[in-house]
Amino acid sequence: MALDTHVDLVSERRARSVAVLAVLGLVFNLGTTVTTAGDAVLFLTVSVVVGYPLFTVFSLLSSRFWQER
């Protein structure tokens, strides 16, 4: 029996999760790592660019390993 491991590359739920974590990371790092507006833009950009593909991989792995059989 073949496993169905289809994961959408574009997911609104995943995008919202990444955005929430990026903003929370920005808020908690404000004043220490993030001191200027440029730092904030860079922090949010890196968070989204790294976070979204990482969450996509997590979705793929979770659909692969925790699928009901």
C-alpha atoms as a PDB file:
ATOM      1  CA  MET A   1       0.000   0.000   0.000  1.00  0.00           C
ATOM      2  CA  ALA A   2       1.448   3.389  -1.029  1.00  0.00           C
ATOM      3  CA  LEU A   3       1.669   6.223   1.472  1.00  0.00           C
ATOM      4  CA  ASP A   4      -0.002   9.527   0.629  1.00  0.00           C
ATOM      5  CA  THR A   5       2.553  12.165   1.628  1.00  0.00           C
ATOM      6  CA  HIS A   6       1.133  15.094  -0.334  1.00  0.00           C
ATOM      7  CA  VAL A   7       1.921  18.459   1.264  1.00  0.00           C
ATOM      8  CA  ASP A   8       0.915  21.780  -0.284  1.00  0.00           C
ATOM      9  CA  LEU A   9       3.876  24.087  -0.843  1.00  0.00           C
ATOM     10  CA  VAL A  10       1.723  27.144  -0.198  1.00  0.00           C
ATOM     11  CA  SER A  11      -0.265  27.062   3.008  1.00  0.00           C
ATOM     12  CA  GLU A  12      -1.991  29.998   4.660  1.00  0.00           C
ATOM     13  CA  ARG A  13      -1.833  28.303   8.065  1.00  0.00           C
ATOM     14  CA  ARG A  14       1.905  27.690   7.730  1.00  0.00           C
ATOM     15  CA  ALA A  15       2.474  31.290   6.607  1.00  0.00           C
ATOM     16  CA  ARG A  16       0.553  32.630   9.614  1.00  0.00           C
ATOM     17  CA  SER A  17       2.544  30.401  11.965  1.00  0.00           C
ATOM     18  CA  VAL A  18       5.839  31.619  10.536  1.00  0.00           C
ATOM     19  CA  ALA A  19       4.693  35.244  10.703  1.00  0.00           C
ATOM     20  CA  VAL A  20       3.621  34.911  14.340  1.00  0.00           C
ATOM     21  CA  LEU A  21       6.927  33.308  15.329  1.00  0.00           C
ATOM     22  CA  ALA A  22       8.889  35.960  13.403  1.00  0.00           C
ATOM     23  CA  VAL A  23       7.043  38.801  15.145  1.00  0.00           C
ATOM     24  CA  LEU A  24       7.443  37.145  18.554  1.00  0.00           C
ATOM     25  CA  GLY A  25      11.150  36.692  17.879  1.00  0.00           C
ATOM     26  CA  LEU A  26      11.362  40.347  16.899  1.00  0.00           C
ATOM     27  CA  VAL A  27       9.561  41.474  20.050  1.00  0.00           C
ATOM     28  CA  PHE A  28      11.758  39.380  22.340  1.00  0.00           C
ATOM     29  CA  ASN A  29      14.978  40.525  20.616  1.00  0.00           C
ATOM     30  CA  LEU A  30      14.026  44.190  20.464  1.00  0.00           C
ATOM     31  CA  GLY A  31      16.712  46.259  22.133  1.00  0.00           C
ATOM     32  CA  THR A  32      19.374  43.549  22.213  1.00  0.00           C
ATOM     33  CA  THR A  33      19.874  42.067  18.737  1.00  0.00           C
ATOM     34  CA  VAL A  34      17.395  44.341  16.968  1.00  0.00           C
ATOM     35  CA  THR A  35      18.190  48.000  17.575  1.00  0.00           C
ATOM     36  CA  THR A  36      17.296  49.791  14.317  1.00  0.00           C
ATOM     37  CA  ALA A  37      14.535  49.577  11.732  1.00  0.00           C
ATOM     38  CA  GLY A  38      17.011  47.976   9.320  1.00  0.00           C
ATOM     39  CA  ASP A  39      17.764  45.284  11.895  1.00  0.00           C
ATOM     40  CA  ALA A  40      14.032  44.629  12.268  1.00  0.00           C
ATOM     41  CA  VAL A  41      13.522  44.265   8.512  1.00  0.00           C
ATOM     42  CA  LEU A  42      16.550  41.972   8.245  1.00  0.00           C
ATOM     43  CA  PHE A  43      15.388  39.882  11.221  1.00  0.00           C
ATOM     44  CA  LEU A  44      11.869  39.450   9.818  1.00  0.00           C
ATOM     45  CA  THR A  45      13.179  38.650   6.326  1.00  0.00           C
ATOM     46  CA  VAL A  46      15.609  36.006   7.553  1.00  0.00           C
ATOM     47  CA  SER A  47      12.969  34.537   9.860  1.00  0.00           C
ATOM     48  CA  VAL A  48      10.488  34.106   7.012  1.00  0.00           C
ATOM     49  CA  VAL A  49      13.057  32.913   4.449  1.00  0.00           C
ATOM     50  CA  VAL A  50      14.382  30.258   6.839  1.00  0.00           C
ATOM     51  CA  GLY A  51      11.147  29.500   8.703  1.00  0.00           C
ATOM     52  CA  TYR A  52       8.739  28.828   5.852  1.00  0.00           C
ATOM     53  CA  PRO A  53      10.834  26.129   4.110  1.00  0.00           C
ATOM     54  CA  LEU A  54      11.630  24.622   7.507  1.00  0.00           C
ATOM     55  CA  PHE A  55       7.929  24.427   8.390  1.00  0.00           C
ATOM     56  CA  THR A  56       7.262  22.906   4.961  1.00  0.00           C
ATOM     57  CA  VAL A  57       9.823  20.183   5.655  1.00  0.00           C
ATOM     58  CA  PHE A  58       8.257  19.593   9.078  1.00  0.00           C
ATOM     59  CA  SER A  59       4.842  19.229   7.428  1.00  0.00           C
ATOM     60  CA  LEU A  60       6.232  16.757   4.932  1.00  0.00           C
ATOM     61  CA  LEU A  61       7.920  14.711   7.647  1.00  0.00           C
ATOM     62  CA  SER A  62       4.878  14.745   9.896  1.00  0.00           C
ATOM     63  CA  SER A  63       2.610  13.589   7.069  1.00  0.00           C
ATOM     64  CA  ARG A  64       5.109  10.854   6.267  1.00  0.00           C
ATOM     65  CA  PHE A  65       5.710   9.497   9.778  1.00  0.00           C
ATOM     66  CA  TRP A  66       2.530  10.266  11.712  1.00  0.00           C
ATOM     67  CA  GLN A  67       0.022   9.221   9.094  1.00  0.00           C
ATOM     68  CA  GLU A  68      -2.736   6.933  10.267  1.00  0.00           C
ATOM     69  CA  ARG A  69      -2.348   3.499   8.739  1.00  0.00           C
END
